[in-house]
Amino acid sequence: MQAITVQDAETRLKALMDAAQAGEDVFISNGEAGIVQLVPCQAPTLAQTGAPRRPGRLRGRIRIGDQFDAADDAIADLFEDGA
């Protein structure tokens, strides 16, 4: 376990990130007040997110307005004129 100050963490952040990624407990304190634990991020598992994605699951529940693809001359001018 490493317990270091914010100032030390600023200068050794990469090494602390590697240590946390390797499974070591890393705690950062601000003097006597509050402690933060540095832990590695992990992609959520299927159990955490629920069922796998199903294409078409929202079919018929989302509506796109008729004017969605209509040309907008003001926007087209911005792209064509470069202004």
PDB file of N, CA and C in Angstrom:
ATOM      1  N   MET A   1       0.846  -1.193   0.000  1.00  0.00           N
ATOM      2  CA  MET A   1       0.000   0.000   0.000  1.00  0.00           C
ATOM      3  C   MET A   1       0.876   1.235   0.000  1.00  0.00           C
ATOM      4  N   GLN A   2       0.531   2.180  -0.861  1.00  0.00           N
ATOM      5  CA  GLN A   2       1.222   3.456  -0.903  1.00  0.00           C
ATOM      6  C   GLN A   2       0.262   4.547  -0.445  1.00  0.00           C
ATOM      7  N   ALA A   3       0.716   5.383   0.469  1.00  0.00           N
ATOM      8  CA  ALA A   3      -0.048   6.562   0.875  1.00  0.00           C
ATOM      9  C   ALA A   3       0.861   7.760   0.649  1.00  0.00           C
ATOM     10  N   ILE A   4       0.482   8.621  -0.277  1.00  0.00           N
ATOM     11  CA  ILE A   4       1.335   9.754  -0.629  1.00  0.00           C
ATOM     12  C   ILE A   4       0.518  11.038  -0.634  1.00  0.00           C
ATOM     13  N   THR A   5       1.213  12.145  -0.665  1.00  0.00           N
ATOM     14  CA  THR A   5       0.554  13.451  -0.690  1.00  0.00           C
ATOM     15  C   THR A   5       0.223  13.838  -2.128  1.00  0.00           C
ATOM     16  N   VAL A   6      -0.624  14.833  -2.259  1.00  0.00           N
ATOM     17  CA  VAL A   6      -1.010  15.330  -3.575  1.00  0.00           C
ATOM     18  C   VAL A   6       0.223  15.820  -4.329  1.00  0.00           C
ATOM     19  N   GLN A   7       1.117  16.501  -3.641  1.00  0.00           N
ATOM     20  CA  GLN A   7       2.317  17.027  -4.286  1.00  0.00           C
ATOM     21  C   GLN A   7       3.173  15.897  -4.853  1.00  0.00           C
ATOM     22  N   ASP A   8       3.346  14.817  -4.092  1.00  0.00           N
ATOM     23  CA  ASP A   8       4.106  13.670  -4.590  1.00  0.00           C
ATOM     24  C   ASP A   8       3.386  13.007  -5.759  1.00  0.00           C
ATOM     25  N   ALA A   9       2.073  12.943  -5.679  1.00  0.00           N
ATOM     26  CA  ALA A   9       1.292  12.317  -6.746  1.00  0.00           C
ATOM     27  C   ALA A   9       1.435  13.082  -8.058  1.00  0.00           C
ATOM     28  N   GLU A  10       1.510  14.398  -7.981  1.00  0.00           N
ATOM     29  CA  GLU A  10       1.663  15.208  -9.188  1.00  0.00           C
ATOM     30  C   GLU A  10       2.953  14.872  -9.927  1.00  0.00           C
ATOM     31  N   THR A  11       4.008  14.603  -9.202  1.00  0.00           N
ATOM     32  CA  THR A  11       5.289  14.325  -9.844  1.00  0.00           C
ATOM     33  C   THR A  11       5.453  12.858 -10.228  1.00  0.00           C
ATOM     34  N   ARG A  12       4.668  11.955  -9.618  1.00  0.00           N
ATOM     35  CA  ARG A  12       4.831  10.525  -9.864  1.00  0.00           C
ATOM     36  C   ARG A  12       3.565   9.874 -10.406  1.00  0.00           C
ATOM     37  N   LEU A  13       2.727  10.629 -11.078  1.00  0.00           N
ATOM     38  CA  LEU A  13       1.420  10.119 -11.481  1.00  0.00           C
ATOM     39  C   LEU A  13       1.524   8.873 -12.355  1.00  0.00           C
ATOM     40  N   LYS A  14       2.367   8.864 -13.349  1.00  0.00           N
ATOM     41  CA  LYS A  14       2.477   7.705 -14.237  1.00  0.00           C
ATOM     42  C   LYS A  14       2.865   6.450 -13.453  1.00  0.00           C
ATOM     43  N   ALA A  15       3.844   6.556 -12.568  1.00  0.00           N
ATOM     44  CA  ALA A  15       4.261   5.405 -11.767  1.00  0.00           C
ATOM     45  C   ALA A  15       3.131   4.937 -10.851  1.00  0.00           C
ATOM     46  N   LEU A  16       2.365   5.870 -10.298  1.00  0.00           N
ATOM     47  CA  LEU A  16       1.238   5.508  -9.432  1.00  0.00           C
ATOM     48  C   LEU A  16       0.127   4.828 -10.227  1.00  0.00           C
ATOM     49  N   MET A  17      -0.103   5.300 -11.447  1.00  0.00           N
ATOM     50  CA  MET A  17      -1.099   4.667 -12.306  1.00  0.00           C
ATOM     51  C   MET A  17      -0.685   3.233 -12.628  1.00  0.00           C
ATOM     52  N   ASP A  18       0.590   3.036 -12.934  1.00  0.00           N
ATOM     53  CA  ASP A  18       1.080   1.686 -13.219  1.00  0.00           C
ATOM     54  C   ASP A  18       0.933   0.782 -11.998  1.00  0.00           C
ATOM     55  N   ALA A  19       1.223   1.317 -10.810  1.00  0.00           N
ATOM     56  CA  ALA A  19       1.102   0.537  -9.583  1.00  0.00           C
ATOM     57  C   ALA A  19      -0.350   0.137  -9.335  1.00  0.00           C
ATOM     58  N   ALA A  20      -1.274   1.073  -9.531  1.00  0.00           N
ATOM     59  CA  ALA A  20      -2.693   0.778  -9.341  1.00  0.00           C
ATOM     60  C   ALA A  20      -3.163  -0.257 -10.365  1.00  0.00           C
ATOM     61  N   GLN A  21      -2.693  -0.120 -11.595  1.00  0.00           N
ATOM     62  CA  GLN A  21      -3.064  -1.070 -12.642  1.00  0.00           C
ATOM     63  C   GLN A  21      -2.564  -2.480 -12.314  1.00  0.00           C
ATOM     64  N   ALA A  22      -1.421  -2.545 -11.629  1.00  0.00           N
ATOM     65  CA  ALA A  22      -0.846  -3.835 -11.245  1.00  0.00           C
ATOM     66  C   ALA A  22      -1.523  -4.416 -10.002  1.00  0.00           C
ATOM     67  N   GLY A  23      -2.477  -3.691  -9.417  1.00  0.00           N
ATOM     68  CA  GLY A  23      -3.218  -4.211  -8.278  1.00  0.00           C
ATOM     69  C   GLY A  23      -2.793  -3.672  -6.937  1.00  0.00           C
ATOM     70  N   GLU A  24      -1.828  -2.762  -6.922  1.00  0.00           N
ATOM     71  CA  GLU A  24      -1.372  -2.192  -5.660  1.00  0.00           C
ATOM     72  C   GLU A  24      -2.356  -1.127  -5.177  1.00  0.00           C
ATOM     73  N   ASP A  25      -2.577  -1.054  -3.874  1.00  0.00           N
ATOM     74  CA  ASP A  25      -3.425  -0.009  -3.303  1.00  0.00           C
ATOM     75  C   ASP A  25      -2.646   1.299  -3.266  1.00  0.00           C
ATOM     76  N   VAL A  26      -3.205   2.343  -3.865  1.00  0.00           N
ATOM     77  CA  VAL A  26      -2.568   3.654  -3.892  1.00  0.00           C
ATOM     78  C   VAL A  26      -3.560   4.662  -3.318  1.00  0.00           C
ATOM     79  N   PHE A  27      -3.150   5.344  -2.251  1.00  0.00           N
ATOM     80  CA  PHE A  27      -3.977   6.358  -1.603  1.00  0.00           C
ATOM     81  C   PHE A  27      -3.284   7.708  -1.703  1.00  0.00           C
ATOM     82  N   ILE A  28      -4.054   8.732  -2.065  1.00  0.00           N
ATOM     83  CA  ILE A  28      -3.524  10.089  -2.166  1.00  0.00           C
ATOM     84  C   ILE A  28      -4.240  10.929  -1.121  1.00  0.00           C
ATOM     85  N   SER A  29      -3.441  11.611  -0.280  1.00  0.00           N
ATOM     86  CA  SER A  29      -4.048  12.430   0.775  1.00  0.00           C
ATOM     87  C   SER A  29      -3.676  13.886   0.583  1.00  0.00           C
ATOM     88  N   ASN A  30      -4.514  14.744   1.116  1.00  0.00           N
ATOM     89  CA  ASN A  30      -4.272  16.175   1.086  1.00  0.00           C
ATOM     90  C   ASN A  30      -4.011  16.598   2.525  1.00  0.00           C
ATOM     91  N   GLY A  31      -2.805  16.359   2.984  1.00  0.00           N
ATOM     92  CA  GLY A  31      -2.487  16.619   4.379  1.00  0.00           C
ATOM     93  C   GLY A  31      -3.238  15.632   5.244  1.00  0.00           C
ATOM     94  N   GLU A  32      -3.939  16.115   6.229  1.00  0.00           N
ATOM     95  CA  GLU A  32      -4.713  15.250   7.114  1.00  0.00           C
ATOM     96  C   GLU A  32      -6.139  15.044   6.597  1.00  0.00           C
ATOM     97  N   ALA A  33      -6.569  15.918   5.692  1.00  0.00           N
ATOM     98  CA  ALA A  33      -7.951  15.855   5.225  1.00  0.00           C
ATOM     99  C   ALA A  33      -8.091  14.908   4.040  1.00  0.00           C
ATOM    100  N   GLY A  34      -9.171  14.187   4.006  1.00  0.00           N
ATOM    101  CA  GLY A  34      -9.581  13.364   2.880  1.00  0.00           C
ATOM    102  C   GLY A  34      -8.527  12.504   2.221  1.00  0.00           C
ATOM    103  N   ILE A  35      -8.904  11.340   1.848  1.00  0.00           N
ATOM    104  CA  ILE A  35      -8.028  10.421   1.136  1.00  0.00           C
ATOM    105  C   ILE A  35      -8.759   9.954  -0.111  1.00  0.00           C
ATOM    106  N   VAL A  36      -8.019   9.858  -1.214  1.00  0.00           N
ATOM    107  CA  VAL A  36      -8.547   9.365  -2.472  1.00  0.00           C
ATOM    108  C   VAL A  36      -7.814   8.083  -2.815  1.00  0.00           C
ATOM    109  N   GLN A  37      -8.540   7.088  -3.260  1.00  0.00           N
ATOM    110  CA  GLN A  37      -7.902   5.839  -3.667  1.00  0.00           C
ATOM    111  C   GLN A  37      -7.817   5.805  -5.185  1.00  0.00           C
ATOM    112  N   LEU A  38      -6.639   5.503  -5.686  1.00  0.00           N
ATOM    113  CA  LEU A  38      -6.415   5.388  -7.115  1.00  0.00           C
ATOM    114  C   LEU A  38      -6.623   3.925  -7.503  1.00  0.00           C
ATOM    115  N   VAL A  39      -7.604   3.681  -8.368  1.00  0.00           N
ATOM    116  CA  VAL A  39      -7.906   2.315  -8.788  1.00  0.00           C
ATOM    117  C   VAL A  39      -7.972   2.263 -10.311  1.00  0.00           C
ATOM    118  N   PRO A  40      -7.666   1.112 -10.903  1.00  0.00           N
ATOM    119  CA  PRO A  40      -7.725   1.016 -12.363  1.00  0.00           C
ATOM    120  C   PRO A  40      -9.161   0.955 -12.860  1.00  0.00           C
ATOM    121  N   CYS A  41      -9.383   1.499 -14.024  1.00  0.00           N
ATOM    122  CA  CYS A  41     -10.693   1.401 -14.663  1.00  0.00           C
ATOM    123  C   CYS A  41     -10.791   0.051 -15.344  1.00  0.00           C
ATOM    124  N   GLN A  42     -11.973  -0.504 -15.320  1.00  0.00           N
ATOM    125  CA  GLN A  42     -12.214  -1.766 -15.996  1.00  0.00           C
ATOM    126  C   GLN A  42     -13.477  -1.633 -16.822  1.00  0.00           C
ATOM    127  N   ALA A  43     -13.462  -2.236 -17.986  1.00  0.00           N
ATOM    128  CA  ALA A  43     -14.651  -2.216 -18.832  1.00  0.00           C
ATOM    129  C   ALA A  43     -15.768  -2.958 -18.112  1.00  0.00           C
ATOM    130  N   PRO A  44     -16.985  -2.449 -18.182  1.00  0.00           N
ATOM    131  CA  PRO A  44     -18.088  -3.139 -17.514  1.00  0.00           C
ATOM    132  C   PRO A  44     -18.307  -4.523 -18.120  1.00  0.00           C
ATOM    133  N   THR A  45     -18.650  -5.458 -17.282  1.00  0.00           N
ATOM    134  CA  THR A  45     -18.909  -6.819 -17.752  1.00  0.00           C
ATOM    135  C   THR A  45     -20.351  -6.935 -18.209  1.00  0.00           C
ATOM    136  N   LEU A  46     -20.643  -8.015 -18.883  1.00  0.00           N
ATOM    137  CA  LEU A  46     -22.010  -8.247 -19.340  1.00  0.00           C
ATOM    138  C   LEU A  46     -22.975  -8.302 -18.158  1.00  0.00           C
ATOM    139  N   ALA A  47     -22.515  -8.851 -17.033  1.00  0.00           N
ATOM    140  CA  ALA A  47     -23.359  -8.935 -15.845  1.00  0.00           C
ATOM    141  C   ALA A  47     -23.693  -7.536 -15.306  1.00  0.00           C
ATOM    142  N   GLN A  48     -22.768  -6.578 -15.468  1.00  0.00           N
ATOM    143  CA  GLN A  48     -23.014  -5.230 -14.965  1.00  0.00           C
ATOM    144  C   GLN A  48     -23.920  -4.433 -15.887  1.00  0.00           C
ATOM    145  N   THR A  49     -23.848  -4.683 -17.167  1.00  0.00           N
ATOM    146  CA  THR A  49     -24.617  -3.896 -18.123  1.00  0.00           C
ATOM    147  C   THR A  49     -25.964  -4.503 -18.453  1.00  0.00           C
ATOM    148  N   GLY A  50     -26.187  -5.747 -18.103  1.00  0.00           N
ATOM    149  CA  GLY A  50     -27.447  -6.407 -18.421  1.00  0.00           C
ATOM    150  C   GLY A  50     -27.299  -7.241 -19.677  1.00  0.00           C
ATOM    151  N   ALA A  51     -28.381  -7.373 -20.393  1.00  0.00           N
ATOM    152  CA  ALA A  51     -28.401  -8.213 -21.595  1.00  0.00           C
ATOM    153  C   ALA A  51     -27.532  -7.610 -22.696  1.00  0.00           C
ATOM    154  N   PRO A  52     -27.019  -8.460 -23.581  1.00  0.00           N
ATOM    155  CA  PRO A  52     -26.239  -7.933 -24.707  1.00  0.00           C
ATOM    156  C   PRO A  52     -27.122  -7.089 -25.621  1.00  0.00           C
ATOM    157  N   ARG A  53     -26.491  -6.230 -26.399  1.00  0.00           N
ATOM    158  CA  ARG A  53     -27.238  -5.361 -27.308  1.00  0.00           C
ATOM    159  C   ARG A  53     -27.977  -6.192 -28.343  1.00  0.00           C
ATOM    160  N   ARG A  54     -29.193  -5.761 -28.634  1.00  0.00           N
ATOM    161  CA  ARG A  54     -29.993  -6.414 -29.661  1.00  0.00           C
ATOM    162  C   ARG A  54     -30.341  -5.395 -30.732  1.00  0.00           C
ATOM    163  N   PRO A  55     -29.793  -5.527 -31.937  1.00  0.00           N
ATOM    164  CA  PRO A  55     -30.130  -4.580 -33.002  1.00  0.00           C
ATOM    165  C   PRO A  55     -31.628  -4.563 -33.250  1.00  0.00           C
ATOM    166  N   GLY A  56     -32.172  -3.391 -33.426  1.00  0.00           N
ATOM    167  CA  GLY A  56     -33.591  -3.239 -33.715  1.00  0.00           C
ATOM    168  C   GLY A  56     -34.491  -3.247 -32.496  1.00  0.00           C
ATOM    169  N   ARG A  57     -33.912  -3.251 -31.322  1.00  0.00           N
ATOM    170  CA  ARG A  57     -34.699  -3.327 -30.095  1.00  0.00           C
ATOM    171  C   ARG A  57     -35.661  -2.146 -29.949  1.00  0.00           C
ATOM    172  N   LEU A  58     -35.299  -0.986 -30.485  1.00  0.00           N
ATOM    173  CA  LEU A  58     -36.159   0.203 -30.371  1.00  0.00           C
ATOM    174  C   LEU A  58     -36.933   0.495 -31.654  1.00  0.00           C
ATOM    175  N   ARG A  59     -36.969  -0.474 -32.552  1.00  0.00           N
ATOM    176  CA  ARG A  59     -37.691  -0.286 -33.818  1.00  0.00           C
ATOM    177  C   ARG A  59     -39.149   0.087 -33.536  1.00  0.00           C
ATOM    178  N   GLY A  60     -39.589   1.147 -34.197  1.00  0.00           N
ATOM    179  CA  GLY A  60     -40.965   1.599 -34.036  1.00  0.00           C
ATOM    180  C   GLY A  60     -41.178   2.525 -32.848  1.00  0.00           C
ATOM    181  N   ARG A  61     -40.154   2.722 -32.027  1.00  0.00           N
ATOM    182  CA  ARG A  61     -40.304   3.575 -30.848  1.00  0.00           C
ATOM    183  C   ARG A  61     -39.629   4.927 -31.019  1.00  0.00           C
ATOM    184  N   ILE A  62     -38.858   5.084 -32.078  1.00  0.00           N
ATOM    185  CA  ILE A  62     -38.162   6.348 -32.335  1.00  0.00           C
ATOM    186  C   ILE A  62     -38.678   6.911 -33.645  1.00  0.00           C
ATOM    187  N   ARG A  63     -39.041   8.159 -33.627  1.00  0.00           N
ATOM    188  CA  ARG A  63     -39.562   8.820 -34.825  1.00  0.00           C
ATOM    189  C   ARG A  63     -38.625   9.953 -35.226  1.00  0.00           C
ATOM    190  N   ILE A  64     -38.352  10.037 -36.526  1.00  0.00           N
ATOM    191  CA  ILE A  64     -37.529  11.117 -37.071  1.00  0.00           C
ATOM    192  C   ILE A  64     -38.439  11.962 -37.938  1.00  0.00           C
ATOM    193  N   GLY A  65     -38.403  13.272 -37.716  1.00  0.00           N
ATOM    194  CA  GLY A  65     -39.283  14.184 -38.439  1.00  0.00           C
ATOM    195  C   GLY A  65     -39.039  14.180 -39.937  1.00  0.00           C
ATOM    196  N   ASP A  66     -40.052  14.577 -40.693  1.00  0.00           N
ATOM    197  CA  ASP A  66     -39.966  14.595 -42.154  1.00  0.00           C
ATOM    198  C   ASP A  66     -38.893  15.544 -42.665  1.00  0.00           C
ATOM    199  N   GLN A  67     -38.610  16.600 -41.929  1.00  0.00           N
ATOM    200  CA  GLN A  67     -37.648  17.599 -42.377  1.00  0.00           C
ATOM    201  C   GLN A  67     -36.208  17.271 -41.971  1.00  0.00           C
ATOM    202  N   PHE A  68     -35.963  16.101 -41.406  1.00  0.00           N
ATOM    203  CA  PHE A  68     -34.635  15.755 -40.888  1.00  0.00           C
ATOM    204  C   PHE A  68     -33.553  15.867 -41.956  1.00  0.00           C
ATOM    205  N   ASP A  69     -33.807  15.352 -43.146  1.00  0.00           N
ATOM    206  CA  ASP A  69     -32.808  15.367 -44.209  1.00  0.00           C
ATOM    207  C   ASP A  69     -32.933  16.560 -45.146  1.00  0.00           C
ATOM    208  N   ALA A  70     -33.833  17.474 -44.871  1.00  0.00           N
ATOM    209  CA  ALA A  70     -34.023  18.627 -45.741  1.00  0.00           C
ATOM    210  C   ALA A  70     -32.783  19.515 -45.721  1.00  0.00           C
ATOM    211  N   ALA A  71     -32.450  20.035 -46.894  1.00  0.00           N
ATOM    212  CA  ALA A  71     -31.277  20.906 -47.009  1.00  0.00           C
ATOM    213  C   ALA A  71     -31.519  22.229 -46.300  1.00  0.00           C
ATOM    214  N   ASP A  72     -30.503  22.730 -45.663  1.00  0.00           N
ATOM    215  CA  ASP A  72     -30.561  24.033 -45.003  1.00  0.00           C
ATOM    216  C   ASP A  72     -29.530  24.908 -45.710  1.00  0.00           C
ATOM    217  N   ASP A  73     -30.004  25.882 -46.499  1.00  0.00           N
ATOM    218  CA  ASP A  73     -29.110  26.703 -47.310  1.00  0.00           C
ATOM    219  C   ASP A  73     -28.090  27.466 -46.473  1.00  0.00           C
ATOM    220  N   ALA A  74     -28.466  27.922 -45.291  1.00  0.00           N
ATOM    221  CA  ALA A  74     -27.539  28.675 -44.442  1.00  0.00           C
ATOM    222  C   ALA A  74     -26.375  27.792 -43.993  1.00  0.00           C
ATOM    223  N   ILE A  75     -26.657  26.560 -43.650  1.00  0.00           N
ATOM    224  CA  ILE A  75     -25.602  25.648 -43.227  1.00  0.00           C
ATOM    225  C   ILE A  75     -24.754  25.239 -44.437  1.00  0.00           C
ATOM    226  N   ALA A  76     -25.392  24.965 -45.567  1.00  0.00           N
ATOM    227  CA  ALA A  76     -24.645  24.610 -46.784  1.00  0.00           C
ATOM    228  C   ALA A  76     -23.700  25.737 -47.172  1.00  0.00           C
ATOM    229  N   ASP A  77     -24.130  26.977 -47.049  1.00  0.00           N
ATOM    230  CA  ASP A  77     -23.267  28.119 -47.378  1.00  0.00           C
ATOM    231  C   ASP A  77     -22.046  28.175 -46.470  1.00  0.00           C
ATOM    232  N   LEU A  78     -22.191  27.836 -45.214  1.00  0.00           N
ATOM    233  CA  LEU A  78     -21.051  27.840 -44.296  1.00  0.00           C
ATOM    234  C   LEU A  78     -19.991  26.839 -44.734  1.00  0.00           C
ATOM    235  N   PHE A  79     -20.410  25.683 -45.204  1.00  0.00           N
ATOM    236  CA  PHE A  79     -19.465  24.669 -45.661  1.00  0.00           C
ATOM    237  C   PHE A  79     -18.839  25.041 -46.993  1.00  0.00           C
ATOM    238  N   GLU A  80     -19.630  25.573 -47.890  1.00  0.00           N
ATOM    239  CA  GLU A  80     -19.145  25.869 -49.237  1.00  0.00           C
ATOM    240  C   GLU A  80     -18.297  27.132 -49.267  1.00  0.00           C
ATOM    241  N   ASP A  81     -18.662  28.159 -48.510  1.00  0.00           N
ATOM    242  CA  ASP A  81     -17.926  29.425 -48.516  1.00  0.00           C
ATOM    243  C   ASP A  81     -16.738  29.412 -47.568  1.00  0.00           C
ATOM    244  N   GLY A  82     -16.714  28.471 -46.641  1.00  0.00           N
ATOM    245  CA  GLY A  82     -15.620  28.388 -45.690  1.00  0.00           C
ATOM    246  C   GLY A  82     -15.629  29.503 -44.656  1.00  0.00           C
ATOM    247  N   ALA A  83     -16.732  30.193 -44.496  1.00  0.00           N
ATOM    248  CA  ALA A  83     -16.796  31.282 -43.509  1.00  0.00           C
ATOM    249  C   ALA A  83     -17.472  30.854 -42.258  1.00  0.00           C
TER     250      ALA A  83
END
